[in-house]
């Protein structure tokens, strides 16, 4: 009987050791998974910070270009470039050519439009 009780006890100890090894293996695997996930989260955070920096740089460049567009599209700037660079002038009756067979009108177009609009 003594030997049977010892065998049962030995089997119980072996079973307990196997259970402990299984639990330890699960814990170790869990720790590796947690470390891996933490590492992956750190990589993602680094990429996110890089993208945020790039976004801030691009937003500053967009703001700069927007202000340049506003400056370059002002009427005074366009008028200055048109008159100085391209030699454009405001129309008058002296520098207009009539394409119709009728006699040219002595008034300029701007004066006619102004008189019709305000009368």
Protein backbone atom coordinates (compact mmCIF):
# COMPACT_ATOMS: atom_id res chain seq x y z
CA UNK A 1 0.00 0.00 0.00
CA UNK A 2 2.85 2.24 0.76
CA UNK A 3 4.15 1.96 -2.73
CA UNK A 4 0.73 2.69 -4.24
CA UNK A 5 0.36 5.86 -2.14
CA UNK A 6 3.85 6.92 -3.13
CA UNK A 7 3.04 6.30 -6.77
CA UNK A 8 -0.11 8.36 -6.50
CA UNK A 9 1.82 11.08 -4.73
CA UNK A 10 4.58 10.94 -7.38
CA UNK A 11 1.97 11.08 -10.15
CA UNK A 12 0.33 14.03 -8.43
CA UNK A 13 3.71 15.82 -8.16
CA UNK A 14 4.40 15.16 -11.86
CA UNK A 15 0.94 16.46 -12.76
CA UNK A 16 1.51 19.55 -10.62
CA UNK A 17 4.87 20.14 -12.28
CA UNK A 18 3.33 19.78 -15.74
CA UNK A 19 0.60 22.25 -14.78
CA UNK A 20 3.19 24.65 -13.40
CA UNK A 21 5.27 24.35 -16.59
CA UNK A 22 2.18 24.96 -18.73
CA UNK A 23 1.20 28.00 -16.66
CA UNK A 24 4.77 29.29 -16.82
CA UNK A 25 4.84 28.78 -20.61
CA UNK A 26 1.55 30.68 -21.00
CA UNK A 27 2.88 33.52 -18.82
CA UNK A 28 6.14 33.70 -20.78
CA UNK A 29 4.26 33.69 -24.10
CA UNK A 30 1.96 36.40 -22.72
CA UNK A 31 4.97 38.52 -21.71
CA UNK A 32 6.49 38.15 -25.20
CA UNK A 33 3.18 39.13 -26.78
CA UNK A 34 2.91 42.19 -24.53
CA UNK A 35 6.50 43.23 -25.27
CA UNK A 36 5.90 42.76 -28.99
CA UNK A 37 2.70 44.80 -28.89
CA UNK A 38 4.44 47.55 -26.91
CA UNK A 39 7.24 47.60 -29.47
CA UNK A 40 4.75 47.78 -32.32
CA UNK A 41 2.88 50.60 -30.55
CA UNK A 42 6.16 52.52 -30.19
CA UNK A 43 6.88 52.10 -33.91
CA UNK A 44 3.39 53.31 -34.81
CA UNK A 45 3.75 56.30 -32.45
CA UNK A 46 7.08 57.23 -34.06
CA UNK A 47 5.53 57.08 -37.53
CA UNK A 48 2.61 59.15 -36.28
CA UNK A 49 4.95 61.81 -34.88
CA UNK A 50 6.84 61.90 -38.19
CA UNK A 51 3.59 62.37 -40.11
CA UNK A 52 2.49 65.14 -37.74
CA UNK A 53 5.78 66.98 -38.33
CA UNK A 54 5.43 66.59 -42.10
CA UNK A 55 1.83 67.80 -41.90
CA UNK A 56 2.87 70.91 -39.95
CA UNK A 57 5.58 71.65 -42.52
CA UNK A 58 3.16 71.23 -45.42
CA UNK A 59 0.52 73.37 -43.68
CA UNK A 60 3.08 76.16 -43.22
CA UNK A 61 4.00 75.88 -46.90
CA UNK A 62 0.31 76.02 -47.89
CA UNK A 63 -0.19 79.12 -45.74
CA UNK A 64 2.85 80.75 -47.33
CA UNK A 65 1.64 79.96 -50.84
CA UNK A 66 -1.85 81.22 -50.02
CA UNK A 67 -0.47 84.56 -48.87
CA UNK A 68 1.67 84.75 -52.03
CA UNK A 69 -1.40 84.05 -54.18
CA UNK A 70 -3.31 86.81 -52.42
CA UNK A 71 -0.43 89.24 -52.99
CA UNK A 72 0.04 88.31 -56.64
CA UNK A 73 -3.66 88.49 -57.55
CA UNK A 74 -4.27 92.00 -56.25
CA UNK A 75 -5.63 94.28 -58.95
CA UNK A 76 -2.86 96.82 -58.49
CA UNK A 77 -0.18 94.16 -58.99
CA UNK A 78 -1.90 92.79 -62.12
CA UNK A 79 -2.36 96.32 -63.48
CA UNK A 80 1.31 97.15 -62.85
CA UNK A 81 2.53 94.00 -64.64
CA UNK A 82 0.11 94.54 -67.55
CA UNK A 83 1.13 98.16 -68.12
CA UNK A 84 4.88 97.89 -67.46
CA UNK A 85 5.69 94.46 -68.85
CA UNK A 86 3.18 94.09 -71.66
CA UNK A 87 2.57 97.78 -72.53
CA UNK A 88 -1.18 97.58 -72.08
CA UNK A 89 -3.19 100.79 -71.79
CA UNK A 90 -6.74 101.63 -70.87
CA UNK A 91 -9.00 101.83 -73.92
CA UNK A 92 -9.94 105.20 -75.33
CA UNK A 93 -11.49 106.36 -78.59
CA UNK A 94 -8.03 107.12 -79.99
CA UNK A 95 -6.63 103.62 -79.56
CA UNK A 96 -9.75 101.59 -80.52
CA UNK A 97 -10.36 100.15 -83.97
CA UNK A 98 -13.90 99.63 -85.23
CA UNK A 99 -14.49 96.46 -87.19
CA UNK A 100 -17.91 97.36 -88.53
CA UNK A 101 -18.65 98.97 -91.88
CA UNK A 102 -20.40 101.82 -90.11
CA UNK A 103 -18.63 105.00 -89.17
CA UNK A 104 -16.74 104.67 -85.91
CA UNK A 105 -18.39 106.12 -82.85
CA UNK A 106 -16.67 109.21 -81.52
CA UNK A 107 -17.20 108.16 -77.88
CA UNK A 108 -15.20 105.43 -76.30
CA UNK A 109 -16.87 102.25 -75.11
CA UNK A 110 -16.32 102.97 -71.43
CA UNK A 111 -18.05 106.34 -71.75
CA UNK A 112 -21.00 104.79 -73.58
CA UNK A 113 -21.43 102.07 -70.96
CA UNK A 114 -21.13 104.58 -68.15
CA UNK A 115 -23.70 106.91 -69.68
CA UNK A 116 -26.18 104.07 -70.32
CA UNK A 117 -25.71 102.63 -66.85
CA UNK A 118 -26.34 105.88 -64.98
CA UNK A 119 -29.12 107.32 -67.15
